[in-house]
PDB file of N, CA and C in Angstrom:
ATOM      1  N   MET A   1      22.012  33.820   3.633  1.00  0.00           N
ATOM      2  CA  MET A   1      21.355  32.529   3.643  1.00  0.00           C
ATOM      3  C   MET A   1      20.295  32.538   4.748  1.00  0.00           C
ATOM      4  N   ALA A   2      19.071  32.167   4.402  1.00  0.00           N
ATOM      5  CA  ALA A   2      17.980  32.075   5.370  1.00  0.00           C
ATOM      6  C   ALA A   2      17.542  30.620   5.464  1.00  0.00           C
ATOM      7  N   LEU A   3      18.066  29.922   6.445  1.00  0.00           N
ATOM      8  CA  LEU A   3      17.692  28.518   6.619  1.00  0.00           C
ATOM      9  C   LEU A   3      16.295  28.430   7.217  1.00  0.00           C
ATOM     10  N   LYS A   4      15.473  27.601   6.606  1.00  0.00           N
ATOM     11  CA  LYS A   4      14.102  27.395   7.073  1.00  0.00           C
ATOM     12  C   LYS A   4      13.933  25.968   7.551  1.00  0.00           C
ATOM     13  N   HIS A   5      13.285  25.836   8.691  1.00  0.00           N
ATOM     14  CA  HIS A   5      12.972  24.530   9.267  1.00  0.00           C
ATOM     15  C   HIS A   5      11.874  23.892   8.417  1.00  0.00           C
ATOM     16  N   VAL A   6      12.197  22.768   7.765  1.00  0.00           N
ATOM     17  CA  VAL A   6      11.223  22.140   6.875  1.00  0.00           C
ATOM     18  C   VAL A   6      10.742  20.769   7.346  1.00  0.00           C
ATOM     19  N   VAL A   7      11.511  20.093   8.185  1.00  0.00           N
ATOM     20  CA  VAL A   7      11.132  18.749   8.631  1.00  0.00           C
ATOM     21  C   VAL A   7      11.672  18.523  10.042  1.00  0.00           C
ATOM     22  N   THR A   8      10.890  17.838  10.866  1.00  0.00           N
ATOM     23  CA  THR A   8      11.368  17.317  12.149  1.00  0.00           C
ATOM     24  C   THR A   8      11.090  15.821  12.159  1.00  0.00           C
ATOM     25  N   GLU A   9      12.123  15.041  12.422  1.00  0.00           N
ATOM     26  CA  GLU A   9      11.981  13.587  12.499  1.00  0.00           C
ATOM     27  C   GLU A   9      12.370  13.162  13.913  1.00  0.00           C
ATOM     28  N   ILE A  10      11.659  12.178  14.472  1.00  0.00           N
ATOM     29  CA  ILE A  10      11.971  11.716  15.822  1.00  0.00           C
ATOM     30  C   ILE A  10      12.104  10.200  15.825  1.00  0.00           C
ATOM     31  N   GLY A  11      12.925   9.699  16.744  1.00  0.00           N
ATOM     32  CA  GLY A  11      13.115   8.261  16.822  1.00  0.00           C
ATOM     33  C   GLY A  11      13.601   7.825  18.190  1.00  0.00           C
ATOM     34  N   MET A  12      13.583   6.526  18.394  1.00  0.00           N
ATOM     35  CA  MET A  12      14.028   5.924  19.638  1.00  0.00           C
ATOM     36  C   MET A  12      14.932   4.754  19.313  1.00  0.00           C
ATOM     37  N   GLY A  13      15.977   4.571  20.105  1.00  0.00           N
ATOM     38  CA  GLY A  13      16.874   3.440  19.923  1.00  0.00           C
ATOM     39  C   GLY A  13      17.295   2.878  21.265  1.00  0.00           C
ATOM     40  N   THR A  14      17.640   1.604  21.268  1.00  0.00           N
ATOM     41  CA  THR A  14      18.023   0.949  22.515  1.00  0.00           C
ATOM     42  C   THR A  14      19.313   0.157  22.358  1.00  0.00           C
ATOM     43  N   ASP A  15      19.962  -0.068  23.480  1.00  0.00           N
ATOM     44  CA  ASP A  15      20.971  -1.108  23.595  1.00  0.00           C
ATOM     45  C   ASP A  15      20.456  -1.993  24.720  1.00  0.00           C
ATOM     46  N   ILE A  16      19.892  -3.120  24.354  1.00  0.00           N
ATOM     47  CA  ILE A  16      19.212  -3.998  25.306  1.00  0.00           C
ATOM     48  C   ILE A  16      20.177  -4.557  26.344  1.00  0.00           C
ATOM     49  N   ARG A  17      21.327  -4.992  25.890  1.00  0.00           N
ATOM     50  CA  ARG A  17      22.340  -5.516  26.802  1.00  0.00           C
ATOM     51  C   ARG A  17      23.656  -4.831  26.466  1.00  0.00           C
ATOM     52  N   GLY A  18      24.306  -4.308  27.451  1.00  0.00           N
ATOM     53  CA  GLY A  18      25.603  -3.697  27.218  1.00  0.00           C
ATOM     54  C   GLY A  18      25.672  -2.233  27.606  1.00  0.00           C
ATOM     55  N   ALA A  19      24.551  -1.567  27.683  1.00  0.00           N
ATOM     56  CA  ALA A  19      24.487  -0.172  28.131  1.00  0.00           C
ATOM     57  C   ALA A  19      25.432   0.737  27.350  1.00  0.00           C
ATOM     58  N   ASP A  20      25.463   0.574  26.022  1.00  0.00           N
ATOM     59  CA  ASP A  20      26.331   1.395  25.186  1.00  0.00           C
ATOM     60  C   ASP A  20      25.529   2.598  24.680  1.00  0.00           C
ATOM     61  N   PRO A  21      25.809   3.800  25.190  1.00  0.00           N
ATOM     62  CA  PRO A  21      25.015   4.962  24.780  1.00  0.00           C
ATOM     63  C   PRO A  21      25.199   5.339  23.311  1.00  0.00           C
ATOM     64  N   THR A  22      26.367   5.080  22.732  1.00  0.00           N
ATOM     65  CA  THR A  22      26.555   5.371  21.307  1.00  0.00           C
ATOM     66  C   THR A  22      25.692   4.450  20.456  1.00  0.00           C
ATOM     67  N   LYS A  23      25.666   3.173  20.806  1.00  0.00           N
ATOM     68  CA  LYS A  23      24.848   2.220  20.051  1.00  0.00           C
ATOM     69  C   LYS A  23      23.369   2.622  20.108  1.00  0.00           C
ATOM     70  N   ALA A  24      22.889   2.991  21.286  1.00  0.00           N
ATOM     71  CA  ALA A  24      21.492   3.408  21.428  1.00  0.00           C
ATOM     72  C   ALA A  24      21.226   4.695  20.646  1.00  0.00           C
ATOM     73  N   ALA A  25      22.182   5.633  20.659  1.00  0.00           N
ATOM     74  CA  ALA A  25      22.022   6.906  19.950  1.00  0.00           C
ATOM     75  C   ALA A  25      21.979   6.689  18.438  1.00  0.00           C
ATOM     76  N   VAL A  26      22.862   5.854  17.914  1.00  0.00           N
ATOM     77  CA  VAL A  26      22.880   5.549  16.484  1.00  0.00           C
ATOM     78  C   VAL A  26      21.559   4.903  16.080  1.00  0.00           C
ATOM     79  N   ARG A  27      21.073   3.998  16.876  1.00  0.00           N
ATOM     80  CA  ARG A  27      19.802   3.335  16.560  1.00  0.00           C
ATOM     81  C   ARG A  27      18.637   4.315  16.616  1.00  0.00           C
ATOM     82  N   ALA A  28      18.685   5.265  17.535  1.00  0.00           N
ATOM     83  CA  ALA A  28      17.619   6.268  17.631  1.00  0.00           C
ATOM     84  C   ALA A  28      17.578   7.140  16.376  1.00  0.00           C
ATOM     85  N   LEU A  29      18.747   7.564  15.905  1.00  0.00           N
ATOM     86  CA  LEU A  29      18.767   8.393  14.700  1.00  0.00           C
ATOM     87  C   LEU A  29      18.344   7.581  13.480  1.00  0.00           C
ATOM     88  N   ARG A  30      18.785   6.350  13.392  1.00  0.00           N
ATOM     89  CA  ARG A  30      18.333   5.499  12.268  1.00  0.00           C
ATOM     90  C   ARG A  30      16.817   5.352  12.286  1.00  0.00           C
ATOM     91  N   ASP A  31      16.260   5.156  13.481  1.00  0.00           N
ATOM     92  CA  ASP A  31      14.805   5.035  13.596  1.00  0.00           C
ATOM     93  C   ASP A  31      14.123   6.306  13.093  1.00  0.00           C
ATOM     94  N   ALA A  32      14.676   7.450  13.428  1.00  0.00           N
ATOM     95  CA  ALA A  32      14.088   8.712  12.998  1.00  0.00           C
ATOM     96  C   ALA A  32      14.142   8.870  11.479  1.00  0.00           C
ATOM     97  N   LEU A  33      15.232   8.455  10.878  1.00  0.00           N
ATOM     98  CA  LEU A  33      15.440   8.693   9.447  1.00  0.00           C
ATOM     99  C   LEU A  33      14.857   7.619   8.538  1.00  0.00           C
ATOM    100  N   TRP A  34      14.863   6.401   8.967  1.00  0.00           N
ATOM    101  CA  TRP A  34      14.568   5.285   8.069  1.00  0.00           C
ATOM    102  C   TRP A  34      13.088   5.045   7.859  1.00  0.00           C
ATOM    103  N   HIS A  35      12.237   5.851   8.459  1.00  0.00           N
ATOM    104  CA  HIS A  35      10.800   5.667   8.271  1.00  0.00           C
ATOM    105  C   HIS A  35      10.237   6.583   7.194  1.00  0.00           C
ATOM    106  N   ASN A  36      11.098   7.265   6.471  1.00  0.00           N
ATOM    107  CA  ASN A  36      10.591   8.172   5.456  1.00  0.00           C
ATOM    108  C   ASN A  36      11.610   8.344   4.342  1.00  0.00           C
ATOM    109  N   SER A  37      11.173   8.977   3.312  1.00  0.00           N
ATOM    110  CA  SER A  37      12.046   9.353   2.203  1.00  0.00           C
ATOM    111  C   SER A  37      11.733  10.807   1.891  1.00  0.00           C
ATOM    112  N   LEU A  38      12.643  11.678   2.277  1.00  0.00           N
ATOM    113  CA  LEU A  38      12.393  13.101   2.098  1.00  0.00           C
ATOM    114  C   LEU A  38      12.580  13.503   0.640  1.00  0.00           C
ATOM    115  N   THR A  39      11.561  14.115   0.098  1.00  0.00           N
ATOM    116  CA  THR A  39      11.632  14.608  -1.277  1.00  0.00           C
ATOM    117  C   THR A  39      11.500  16.125  -1.321  1.00  0.00           C
ATOM    118  N   VAL A  40      11.526  16.763  -0.166  1.00  0.00           N
ATOM    119  CA  VAL A  40      11.317  18.213  -0.114  1.00  0.00           C
ATOM    120  C   VAL A  40      12.420  18.966  -0.841  1.00  0.00           C
ATOM    121  N   ALA A  41      13.679  18.584  -0.689  1.00  0.00           N
ATOM    122  CA  ALA A  41      14.769  19.310  -1.360  1.00  0.00           C
ATOM    123  C   ALA A  41      14.634  19.222  -2.885  1.00  0.00           C
ATOM    124  N   PRO A  42      14.527  18.010  -3.450  1.00  0.00           N
ATOM    125  CA  PRO A  42      14.362  17.932  -4.912  1.00  0.00           C
ATOM    126  C   PRO A  42      13.080  18.625  -5.405  1.00  0.00           C
ATOM    127  N   ALA A  43      12.024  18.571  -4.597  1.00  0.00           N
ATOM    128  CA  ALA A  43      10.777  19.211  -5.003  1.00  0.00           C
ATOM    129  C   ALA A  43      10.947  20.718  -5.131  1.00  0.00           C
ATOM    130  N   LEU A  44      11.900  21.267  -4.393  1.00  0.00           N
ATOM    131  CA  LEU A  44      12.172  22.702  -4.444  1.00  0.00           C
ATOM    132  C   LEU A  44      13.331  23.035  -5.376  1.00  0.00           C
ATOM    133  N   GLY A  45      13.795  22.028  -6.132  1.00  0.00           N
ATOM    134  CA  GLY A  45      14.892  22.242  -7.064  1.00  0.00           C
ATOM    135  C   GLY A  45      16.258  22.288  -6.401  1.00  0.00           C
ATOM    136  N   LEU A  46      16.361  21.736  -5.193  1.00  0.00           N
ATOM    137  CA  LEU A  46      17.618  21.733  -4.448  1.00  0.00           C
ATOM    138  C   LEU A  46      18.201  20.328  -4.394  1.00  0.00           C
ATOM    139  N   ASP A  47      19.488  20.248  -4.264  1.00  0.00           N
ATOM    140  CA  ASP A  47      20.179  18.968  -4.099  1.00  0.00           C
ATOM    141  C   ASP A  47      19.948  18.459  -2.675  1.00  0.00           C
ATOM    142  N   THR A  48      19.806  17.158  -2.512  1.00  0.00           N
ATOM    143  CA  THR A  48      19.594  16.609  -1.162  1.00  0.00           C
ATOM    144  C   THR A  48      20.763  16.901  -0.234  1.00  0.00           C
ATOM    145  N   ASP A  49      21.951  17.077  -0.783  1.00  0.00           N
ATOM    146  CA  ASP A  49      23.096  17.390   0.065  1.00  0.00           C
ATOM    147  C   ASP A  49      23.099  18.842   0.528  1.00  0.00           C
ATOM    148  N   SER A  50      22.130  19.646   0.096  1.00  0.00           N
ATOM    149  CA  SER A  50      22.020  21.014   0.588  1.00  0.00           C
ATOM    150  C   SER A  50      21.310  21.070   1.942  1.00  0.00           C
ATOM    151  N   MET A  51      20.756  19.944   2.378  1.00  0.00           N
ATOM    152  CA  MET A  51      20.070  19.903   3.671  1.00  0.00           C
ATOM    153  C   MET A  51      21.075  20.093   4.799  1.00  0.00           C
ATOM    154  N   GLN A  52      20.668  20.868   5.799  1.00  0.00           N
ATOM    155  CA  GLN A  52      21.448  20.991   7.015  1.00  0.00           C
ATOM    156  C   GLN A  52      20.612  20.353   8.120  1.00  0.00           C
ATOM    157  N   VAL A  53      21.188  19.356   8.771  1.00  0.00           N
ATOM    158  CA  VAL A  53      20.449  18.554   9.732  1.00  0.00           C
ATOM    159  C   VAL A  53      21.032  18.763  11.120  1.00  0.00           C
ATOM    160  N   GLU A  54      20.185  19.201  12.031  1.00  0.00           N
ATOM    161  CA  GLU A  54      20.580  19.391  13.423  1.00  0.00           C
ATOM    162  C   GLU A  54      20.016  18.222  14.226  1.00  0.00           C
ATOM    163  N   VAL A  55      20.902  17.378  14.722  1.00  0.00           N
ATOM    164  CA  VAL A  55      20.494  16.190  15.471  1.00  0.00           C
ATOM    165  C   VAL A  55      20.677  16.454  16.959  1.00  0.00           C
ATOM    166  N   THR A  56      19.644  16.161  17.724  1.00  0.00           N
ATOM    167  CA  THR A  56      19.748  16.194  19.185  1.00  0.00           C
ATOM    168  C   THR A  56      19.454  14.801  19.691  1.00  0.00           C
ATOM    169  N   ILE A  57      20.358  14.285  20.515  1.00  0.00           N
ATOM    170  CA  ILE A  57      20.210  12.961  21.109  1.00  0.00           C
ATOM    171  C   ILE A  57      20.055  13.132  22.609  1.00  0.00           C
ATOM    172  N   GLY A  58      19.031  12.515  23.180  1.00  0.00           N
ATOM    173  CA  GLY A  58      18.856  12.460  24.627  1.00  0.00           C
ATOM    174  C   GLY A  58      19.153  11.048  25.085  1.00  0.00           C
ATOM    175  N   VAL A  59      20.164  10.891  25.946  1.00  0.00           N
ATOM    176  CA  VAL A  59      20.597   9.558  26.356  1.00  0.00           C
ATOM    177  C   VAL A  59      21.281   9.648  27.724  1.00  0.00           C
ATOM    178  N   PRO A  60      21.146   8.594  28.557  1.00  0.00           N
ATOM    179  CA  PRO A  60      21.940   8.572  29.778  1.00  0.00           C
ATOM    180  C   PRO A  60      23.432   8.561  29.414  1.00  0.00           C
ATOM    181  N   MET A  61      24.249   9.163  30.209  1.00  0.00           N
ATOM    182  CA  MET A  61      25.700   9.224  29.983  1.00  0.00           C
ATOM    183  C   MET A  61      26.042   9.894  28.656  1.00  0.00           C
ATOM    184  N   PRO A  62      25.543  11.106  28.412  1.00  0.00           N
ATOM    185  CA  PRO A  62      25.774  11.758  27.121  1.00  0.00           C
ATOM    186  C   PRO A  62      27.254  11.970  26.810  1.00  0.00           C
ATOM    187  N   ASP A  63      28.080  12.078  27.818  1.00  0.00           N
ATOM    188  CA  ASP A  63      29.514  12.288  27.607  1.00  0.00           C
ATOM    189  C   ASP A  63      30.204  11.060  27.006  1.00  0.00           C
ATOM    190  N   LYS A  64      29.532   9.928  27.009  1.00  0.00           N
ATOM    191  CA  LYS A  64      30.116   8.701  26.459  1.00  0.00           C
ATOM    192  C   LYS A  64      29.663   8.406  25.031  1.00  0.00           C
ATOM    193  N   VAL A  65      28.910   9.313  24.427  1.00  0.00           N
ATOM    194  CA  VAL A  65      28.436   9.109  23.058  1.00  0.00           C
ATOM    195  C   VAL A  65      29.481   9.628  22.073  1.00  0.00           C
ATOM    196  N   ASP A  66      29.794   8.818  21.092  1.00  0.00           N
ATOM    197  CA  ASP A  66      30.684   9.217  20.003  1.00  0.00           C
ATOM    198  C   ASP A  66      29.821   9.916  18.948  1.00  0.00           C
ATOM    199  N   ALA A  67      29.811  11.246  18.981  1.00  0.00           N
ATOM    200  CA  ALA A  67      28.957  12.032  18.084  1.00  0.00           C
ATOM    201  C   ALA A  67      29.307  11.798  16.618  1.00  0.00           C
ATOM    202  N   ALA A  68      30.554  11.487  16.318  1.00  0.00           N
ATOM    203  CA  ALA A  68      30.953  11.223  14.926  1.00  0.00           C
ATOM    204  C   ALA A  68      30.253   9.973  14.388  1.00  0.00           C
ATOM    205  N   GLN A  69      30.105   8.945  15.228  1.00  0.00           N
ATOM    206  CA  GLN A  69      29.392   7.738  14.787  1.00  0.00           C
ATOM    207  C   GLN A  69      27.923   8.043  14.538  1.00  0.00           C
ATOM    208  N   VAL A  70      27.337   8.900  15.356  1.00  0.00           N
ATOM    209  CA  VAL A  70      25.939   9.284  15.161  1.00  0.00           C
ATOM    210  C   VAL A  70      25.804  10.076  13.862  1.00  0.00           C
ATOM    211  N   ALA A  71      26.666  11.057  13.644  1.00  0.00           N
ATOM    212  CA  ALA A  71      26.601  11.885  12.437  1.00  0.00           C
ATOM    213  C   ALA A  71      26.794  11.051  11.170  1.00  0.00           C
ATOM    214  N   ALA A  72      27.569   9.985  11.266  1.00  0.00           N
ATOM    215  CA  ALA A  72      27.832   9.131  10.102  1.00  0.00           C
ATOM    216  C   ALA A  72      26.567   8.444   9.588  1.00  0.00           C
ATOM    217  N   VAL A  73      25.516   8.409  10.386  1.00  0.00           N
ATOM    218  CA  VAL A  73      24.249   7.793   9.982  1.00  0.00           C
ATOM    219  C   VAL A  73      23.543   8.643   8.930  1.00  0.00           C
ATOM    220  N   LEU A  74      23.771   9.943   8.929  1.00  0.00           N
ATOM    221  CA  LEU A  74      23.060  10.841   8.011  1.00  0.00           C
ATOM    222  C   LEU A  74      23.421  10.531   6.562  1.00  0.00           C
ATOM    223  N   PRO A  75      22.421  10.218   5.733  1.00  0.00           N
ATOM    224  CA  PRO A  75      22.716   9.845   4.345  1.00  0.00           C
ATOM    225  C   PRO A  75      22.965  11.027   3.422  1.00  0.00           C
ATOM    226  N   HIS A  76      22.480  12.214   3.802  1.00  0.00           N
ATOM    227  CA  HIS A  76      22.588  13.393   2.942  1.00  0.00           C
ATOM    228  C   HIS A  76      22.795  14.628   3.794  1.00  0.00           C
ATOM    229  N   GLY A  77      23.332  15.648   3.185  1.00  0.00           N
ATOM    230  CA  GLY A  77      23.439  16.939   3.833  1.00  0.00           C
ATOM    231  C   GLY A  77      24.596  17.040   4.808  1.00  0.00           C
ATOM    232  N   THR A  78      24.587  18.143   5.521  1.00  0.00           N
ATOM    233  CA  THR A  78      25.585  18.432   6.537  1.00  0.00           C
ATOM    234  C   THR A  78      24.912  18.311   7.888  1.00  0.00           C
ATOM    235  N   GLY A  79      25.542  17.605   8.810  1.00  0.00           N
ATOM    236  CA  GLY A  79      24.903  17.392  10.091  1.00  0.00           C
ATOM    237  C   GLY A  79      25.723  17.851  11.269  1.00  0.00           C
ATOM    238  N   THR A  80      25.006  18.286  12.296  1.00  0.00           N
ATOM    239  CA  THR A  80      25.610  18.559  13.588  1.00  0.00           C
ATOM    240  C   THR A  80      24.893  17.695  14.605  1.00  0.00           C
ATOM    241  N   VAL A  81      25.621  17.264  15.627  1.00  0.00           N
ATOM    242  CA  VAL A  81      25.046  16.398  16.653  1.00  0.00           C
ATOM    243  C   VAL A  81      25.267  17.031  18.018  1.00  0.00           C
ATOM    244  N   ASN A  82      24.177  17.202  18.745  1.00  0.00           N
ATOM    245  CA  ASN A  82      24.216  17.697  20.117  1.00  0.00           C
ATOM    246  C   ASN A  82      23.666  16.590  21.012  1.00  0.00           C
ATOM    247  N   VAL A  83      24.450  16.167  21.992  1.00  0.00           N
ATOM    248  CA  VAL A  83      24.027  15.083  22.877  1.00  0.00           C
ATOM    249  C   VAL A  83      23.744  15.667  24.252  1.00  0.00           C
ATOM    250  N   VAL A  84      22.549  15.361  24.773  1.00  0.00           N
ATOM    251  CA  VAL A  84      22.123  15.899  26.063  1.00  0.00           C
ATOM    252  C   VAL A  84      21.683  14.761  26.985  1.00  0.00           C
ATOM    253  N   GLU A  85      21.605  15.063  28.257  1.00  0.00           N
ATOM    254  CA  GLU A  85      21.110  14.102  29.243  1.00  0.00           C
ATOM    255  C   GLU A  85      19.644  13.822  28.949  1.00  0.00           C
ATOM    256  N   GLY A  86      19.287  12.547  28.907  1.00  0.00           N
ATOM    257  CA  GLY A  86      17.904  12.169  28.632  1.00  0.00           C
ATOM    258  C   GLY A  86      17.784  10.672  28.526  1.00  0.00           C
ATOM    259  N   GLY A  87      16.766  10.225  27.824  1.00  0.00           N
ATOM    260  CA  GLY A  87      16.573   8.794  27.647  1.00  0.00           C
ATOM    261  C   GLY A  87      16.248   8.103  28.954  1.00  0.00           C
ATOM    262  N   LEU A  88      16.647   6.850  29.024  1.00  0.00           N
ATOM    263  CA  LEU A  88      16.305   6.035  30.184  1.00  0.00           C
ATOM    264  C   LEU A  88      17.325   4.923  30.334  1.00  0.00           C
ATOM    265  N   GLN A  89      17.673   4.608  31.564  1.00  0.00           N
ATOM    266  CA  GLN A  89      18.550   3.472  31.858  1.00  0.00           C
ATOM    267  C   GLN A  89      17.816   2.555  32.826  1.00  0.00           C
ATOM    268  N   ILE A  90      17.708   1.278  32.440  1.00  0.00           N
ATOM    269  CA  ILE A  90      16.974   0.296  33.236  1.00  0.00           C
ATOM    270  C   ILE A  90      17.953  -0.793  33.661  1.00  0.00           C
ATOM    271  N   PRO A  91      18.369  -0.811  34.942  1.00  0.00           N
ATOM    272  CA  PRO A  91      19.321  -1.838  35.386  1.00  0.00           C
ATOM    273  C   PRO A  91      18.664  -3.218  35.474  1.00  0.00           C
ATOM    274  N   ASN A  92      19.476  -4.258  35.261  1.00  0.00           N
ATOM    275  CA  ASN A  92      18.943  -5.611  35.435  1.00  0.00           C
ATOM    276  C   ASN A  92      18.864  -5.923  36.928  1.00  0.00           C
ATOM    277  N   ASP A  93      18.215  -7.030  37.271  1.00  0.00           N
ATOM    278  CA  ASP A  93      18.004  -7.375  38.679  1.00  0.00           C
ATOM    279  C   ASP A  93      19.307  -7.580  39.440  1.00  0.00           C
ATOM    280  N   ALA A  94      20.322  -8.116  38.770  1.00  0.00           N
ATOM    281  CA  ALA A  94      21.602  -8.375  39.431  1.00  0.00           C
ATOM    282  C   ALA A  94      22.441  -7.113  39.577  1.00  0.00           C
ATOM    283  N   GLY A  95      22.073  -6.050  38.875  1.00  0.00           N
ATOM    284  CA  GLY A  95      22.840  -4.816  38.930  1.00  0.00           C
ATOM    285  C   GLY A  95      24.143  -4.881  38.152  1.00  0.00           C
ATOM    286  N   THR A  96      24.248  -5.861  37.252  1.00  0.00           N
ATOM    287  CA  THR A  96      25.484  -6.047  36.494  1.00  0.00           C
ATOM    288  C   THR A  96      25.415  -5.488  35.082  1.00  0.00           C
ATOM    289  N   ASP A  97      24.235  -5.104  34.640  1.00  0.00           N
ATOM    290  CA  ASP A  97      24.054  -4.629  33.278  1.00  0.00           C
ATOM    291  C   ASP A  97      22.798  -3.765  33.254  1.00  0.00           C
ATOM    292  N   SER A  98      22.569  -3.105  32.142  1.00  0.00           N
ATOM    293  CA  SER A  98      21.341  -2.327  32.008  1.00  0.00           C
ATOM    294  C   SER A  98      20.990  -2.154  30.542  1.00  0.00           C
ATOM    295  N   THR A  99      19.748  -1.763  30.335  1.00  0.00           N
ATOM    296  CA  THR A  99      19.244  -1.419  29.021  1.00  0.00           C
ATOM    297  C   THR A  99      19.206   0.098  28.925  1.00  0.00           C
ATOM    298  N   LEU A 100      19.694   0.641  27.808  1.00  0.00           N
ATOM    299  CA  LEU A 100      19.644   2.086  27.582  1.00  0.00           C
ATOM    300  C   LEU A 100      18.648   2.396  26.489  1.00  0.00           C
ATOM    301  N   ILE A 101      17.919   3.470  26.687  1.00  0.00           N
ATOM    302  CA  ILE A 101      17.014   3.983  25.671  1.00  0.00           C
ATOM    303  C   ILE A 101      17.449   5.405  25.342  1.00  0.00           C
ATOM    304  N   ALA A 102      17.632   5.679  24.050  1.00  0.00           N
ATOM    305  CA  ALA A 102      17.993   7.010  23.580  1.00  0.00           C
ATOM    306  C   ALA A 102      16.879   7.547  22.697  1.00  0.00           C
ATOM    307  N   HIS A 103      16.733   8.853  22.688  1.00  0.00           N
ATOM    308  CA  HIS A 103      15.771   9.510  21.816  1.00  0.00           C
ATOM    309  C   HIS A 103      16.531  10.441  20.880  1.00  0.00           C
ATOM    310  N   ALA A 104      16.032  10.549  19.655  1.00  0.00           N
ATOM    311  CA  ALA A 104      16.672  11.406  18.661  1.00  0.00           C
ATOM    312  C   ALA A 104      15.645  12.337  18.037  1.00  0.00           C
ATOM    313  N   ALA A 105      16.070  13.573  17.786  1.00  0.00           N
ATOM    314  CA  ALA A 105      15.308  14.515  16.994  1.00  0.00           C
ATOM    315  C   ALA A 105      16.241  15.042  15.915  1.00  0.00           C
ATOM    316  N   ALA A 106      15.790  14.992  14.679  1.00  0.00           N
ATOM    317  CA  ALA A 106      16.567  15.503  13.566  1.00  0.00           C
ATOM    318  C   ALA A 106      15.750  16.620  12.903  1.00  0.00           C
ATOM    319  N   VAL A 107      16.285  17.827  12.947  1.00  0.00           N
ATOM    320  CA  VAL A 107      15.628  18.980  12.335  1.00  0.00           C
ATOM    321  C   VAL A 107      16.341  19.275  11.022  1.00  0.00           C
ATOM    322  N   VAL A 108      15.587  19.233   9.937  1.00  0.00           N
ATOM    323  CA  VAL A 108      16.145  19.479   8.608  1.00  0.00           C
ATOM    324  C   VAL A 108      15.841  20.918   8.212  1.00  0.00           C
ATOM    325  N   ARG A 109      16.893  21.616   7.781  1.00  0.00           N
ATOM    326  CA  ARG A 109      16.750  22.995   7.336  1.00  0.00           C
ATOM    327  C   ARG A 109      17.277  23.134   5.916  1.00  0.00           C
ATOM    328  N   LEU A 110      16.601  23.985   5.150  1.00  0.00           N
ATOM    329  CA  LEU A 110      17.017  24.284   3.773  1.00  0.00           C
ATOM    330  C   LEU A 110      17.095  25.807   3.589  1.00  0.00           C
ATOM    331  N   ASP A 111      18.005  26.224   2.735  1.00  0.00           N
ATOM    332  CA  ASP A 111      18.107  27.634   2.378  1.00  0.00           C
ATOM    333  C   ASP A 111      17.054  27.904   1.312  1.00  0.00           C
ATOM    334  N   LEU A 112      16.018  28.599   1.696  1.00  0.00           N
ATOM    335  CA  LEU A 112      14.890  28.828   0.783  1.00  0.00           C
ATOM    336  C   LEU A 112      14.846  30.243   0.238  1.00  0.00           C
ATOM    337  N   ASP A 113      15.923  30.970   0.335  1.00  0.00           N
ATOM    338  CA  ASP A 113      15.951  32.332  -0.260  1.00  0.00           C
ATOM    339  C   ASP A 113      16.368  32.283  -1.695  1.00  0.00           C
TER     340      ASP A 113
END
């Protein structure tokens, strides 16, 4: 099997109040995916579930992200989720809460042999 990189999608998500890194990560991946409709697999005579999607999430507190919830966002194919330190955390003036920003990259690969 020779997987070929055919699409890169990027997105950003936030949790405005609550500083939940999973919520921000899920929103980032949705942002990356929901702005398009990929037709590359069917155009090549492949099933959409043949896509292999490698998701990378950059977010503060990566150890607190539930990768299964992020992967559940993928509508087709098989996905892997890698969460790394990144994004942005903006504390409120009182220091009691913060806004989190997460970034997502989804790389779609297809077996084109």
